[in-house]
Amino acid sequence: MSNFRFTSQPIDGGALRAELIDTHCGGFTCFEGWVRNHNEGLEVTHLEYEAFEALGVREGERVVAEACERFGVTRALCVHRVGDLQLREIAVWVGVAAAHRDEAFKACRYIIDEVKHRVPIWKKEHYVSGDSGWVNCERCATHAHEHDHSHAHHDHG
């Protein structure tokens, strides 16, 4: 099974953790990114995630492989939701199993940071006011900065 995948179904962290259990490992760490009820002073009701899935899986696999090689971890996995997510649902889950805790923590942090930066995933927040906005498009912001353009990423209204 893939070390990076998208799902439209709720994420079950316990089931994913079970995929990583290995007798060679003495440490496990995970990160769960949850849908929260606010961002930048606005009350959030729910989120939508979209992804360029074919490219996203390839790049996500690269990220996980890099983390395993760089930090010497035995097993790692990242799963990201797509579609409509409600408050408290898990949007992204990263788990790492390693011989020792230090490698597990470092690899887990590397994976979530690189996935947020490199994998083509877009998040749309829906607000109590009825407005909505696309947020955290880091690739768009980087691209715009490189070409000295400025683009608004919120479409409130």
Protein backbone atom coordinates (compact mmCIF):
# COMPACT_ATOMS: atom_id res chain seq x y z
CA MET A 1 0.00 0.00 0.00
CA SER A 2 1.08 3.57 -0.72
CA ASN A 3 2.96 5.61 1.91
CA PHE A 4 0.96 8.68 0.88
CA ARG A 5 -2.69 8.73 -0.07
CA PHE A 6 -5.82 10.81 -0.25
CA THR A 7 -9.18 9.76 1.11
CA SER A 8 -12.69 11.17 1.05
CA GLN A 9 -13.59 9.07 4.12
CA PRO A 10 -13.00 10.01 7.78
CA ILE A 11 -9.45 9.20 8.89
CA ASP A 12 -9.07 6.48 11.53
CA GLY A 13 -5.75 7.17 13.26
CA GLY A 14 -5.84 3.87 15.16
CA ALA A 15 -6.18 1.83 11.97
CA LEU A 16 -3.36 3.80 10.33
CA ARG A 17 -1.12 3.33 13.37
CA ALA A 18 -1.70 -0.43 13.09
CA GLU A 19 -0.29 -0.31 9.53
CA LEU A 20 3.04 0.96 10.92
CA ILE A 21 3.59 -1.44 13.84
CA ASP A 22 6.94 -3.18 13.37
CA THR A 23 9.00 -5.24 15.81
CA HIS A 24 12.14 -3.37 14.70
CA CYS A 25 10.68 -0.11 15.99
CA GLY A 26 10.82 1.21 19.52
CA GLY A 27 9.28 4.60 18.81
CA PHE A 28 6.15 5.87 17.12
CA THR A 29 4.87 9.39 16.70
CA CYS A 30 2.01 10.90 14.79
CA PHE A 31 0.54 14.25 13.89
CA GLU A 32 -3.16 14.86 13.39
CA GLY A 33 -4.31 18.10 11.78
CA TRP A 34 -7.88 18.82 12.89
CA VAL A 35 -10.54 21.13 11.47
CA ARG A 36 -10.82 24.01 13.95
CA ASN A 37 -13.56 26.60 14.34
CA HIS A 38 -11.53 29.73 13.57
CA ASN A 39 -8.79 31.21 11.41
CA GLU A 40 -7.40 34.76 11.29
CA GLY A 41 -10.24 36.14 13.40
CA LEU A 42 -13.03 34.48 11.39
CA GLU A 43 -15.36 31.79 12.71
CA VAL A 44 -15.10 28.66 10.53
CA THR A 45 -18.04 26.25 10.08
CA HIS A 46 -16.38 23.64 7.85
CA LEU A 47 -13.64 23.13 5.24
CA GLU A 48 -13.33 21.78 1.73
CA TYR A 49 -10.10 20.25 0.46
CA GLU A 50 -9.25 19.73 -3.20
CA ALA A 51 -6.12 18.11 -4.58
CA PHE A 52 -4.45 17.32 -7.87
CA GLU A 53 -4.44 13.70 -6.75
CA ALA A 54 -2.20 12.01 -9.34
CA LEU A 55 0.57 14.57 -8.91
CA GLY A 56 -0.11 14.83 -5.18
CA VAL A 57 0.39 11.11 -4.56
CA ARG A 58 3.68 11.12 -6.49
CA GLU A 59 5.01 14.15 -4.61
CA GLY A 60 3.70 12.87 -1.28
CA GLU A 61 5.46 9.54 -1.86
CA ARG A 62 8.70 11.47 -2.52
CA VAL A 63 8.31 13.40 0.71
CA VAL A 64 7.76 10.25 2.78
CA ALA A 65 10.70 8.48 1.09
CA GLU A 66 12.95 11.49 1.75
CA ALA A 67 11.98 11.48 5.44
CA CYS A 68 12.69 7.75 5.77
CA GLU A 69 16.09 8.13 4.13
CA ARG A 70 17.08 11.39 5.84
CA PHE A 71 16.13 10.31 9.36
CA GLY A 72 16.64 6.55 9.10
CA VAL A 73 13.07 5.62 9.99
CA THR A 74 11.62 2.20 9.31
CA ARG A 75 8.08 3.10 8.27
CA ALA A 76 6.07 6.25 7.60
CA LEU A 77 2.64 7.09 6.26
CA CYS A 78 0.66 10.24 5.44
CA VAL A 79 -3.05 10.39 4.63
CA HIS A 80 -4.84 13.61 3.61
CA ARG A 81 -8.59 14.15 3.37
CA VAL A 82 -10.31 15.64 0.35
CA GLY A 83 -13.89 16.83 0.11
CA ASP A 84 -16.05 18.45 2.79
CA LEU A 85 -14.82 18.19 6.40
CA GLN A 86 -16.68 19.18 9.55
CA LEU A 87 -15.23 20.68 12.73
CA ARG A 88 -13.06 18.25 14.76
CA GLU A 89 -12.48 15.90 11.81
CA ILE A 90 -8.92 14.90 10.95
CA ALA A 91 -7.75 16.67 7.79
CA VAL A 92 -4.26 15.14 7.66
CA TRP A 93 -2.56 12.30 9.54
CA VAL A 94 1.16 11.54 9.61
CA GLY A 95 2.63 8.54 11.42
CA VAL A 96 6.24 7.43 11.75
CA ALA A 97 7.72 4.27 13.27
CA ALA A 98 11.45 4.19 13.99
CA ALA A 99 14.02 2.44 16.13
CA HIS A 100 14.18 5.53 18.39
CA ARG A 101 11.91 8.48 19.24
CA ASP A 102 14.22 11.24 18.00
CA GLU A 103 14.13 10.00 14.40
CA ALA A 104 10.37 9.46 14.60
CA PHE A 105 9.72 13.03 15.80
CA LYS A 106 12.04 14.60 13.23
CA ALA A 107 10.64 12.58 10.32
CA CYS A 108 7.05 13.32 11.34
CA ARG A 109 7.74 17.07 11.42
CA TYR A 110 9.56 16.91 8.09
CA ILE A 111 6.67 15.08 6.42
CA ILE A 112 3.91 17.45 7.55
CA ASP A 113 5.96 20.55 6.73
CA GLU A 114 6.95 19.31 3.27
CA VAL A 115 3.45 18.03 2.43
CA LYS A 116 1.98 21.46 3.28
CA HIS A 117 4.62 23.13 1.13
CA ARG A 118 4.94 20.78 -1.86
CA VAL A 119 1.79 18.71 -2.39
CA PRO A 120 -0.93 20.33 -4.56
CA ILE A 121 -3.73 20.58 -1.99
CA TRP A 122 -6.11 23.52 -1.65
CA LYS A 123 -8.23 24.39 1.38
CA LYS A 124 -11.44 26.43 1.28
CA GLU A 125 -12.81 27.71 4.58
CA HIS A 126 -16.52 28.35 5.08
CA TYR A 127 -17.39 31.01 7.64
CA VAL A 128 -20.32 31.67 9.97
CA SER A 129 -21.02 34.86 7.98
CA GLY A 130 -21.74 32.78 4.87
CA ASP A 131 -18.56 33.90 3.12
CA SER A 132 -15.80 31.51 2.13
CA GLY A 133 -12.16 31.77 1.16
CA TRP A 134 -9.27 29.73 -0.18
CA VAL A 135 -6.40 29.78 2.32
CA ASN A 136 -2.85 28.51 2.82
CA CYS A 137 -2.01 28.30 -0.84
CA GLU A 138 1.74 28.37 -0.13
CA ARG A 139 2.68 27.33 -3.67
CA CYS A 140 0.57 30.19 -5.09
CA ALA A 141 2.22 32.70 -2.75
CA THR A 142 5.71 31.41 -3.56
CA HIS A 143 4.98 31.46 -7.28
CA ALA A 144 3.57 34.98 -7.10
CA HIS A 145 6.57 36.23 -5.12
CA GLU A 146 9.03 34.69 -7.59
CA HIS A 147 7.35 36.57 -10.44
CA ASP A 148 6.78 39.74 -8.42
CA HIS A 149 3.00 39.56 -8.79
CA SER A 150 0.43 39.77 -6.06
CA HIS A 151 -2.74 37.70 -5.96
CA ALA A 152 -5.60 37.72 -3.48
CA HIS A 153 -6.34 34.25 -2.14
CA HIS A 154 -9.64 34.96 -0.38
CA ASP A 155 -12.94 35.21 -2.21
CA HIS A 156 -15.14 36.55 0.57
CA GLY A 157 -18.53 36.89 -0.94
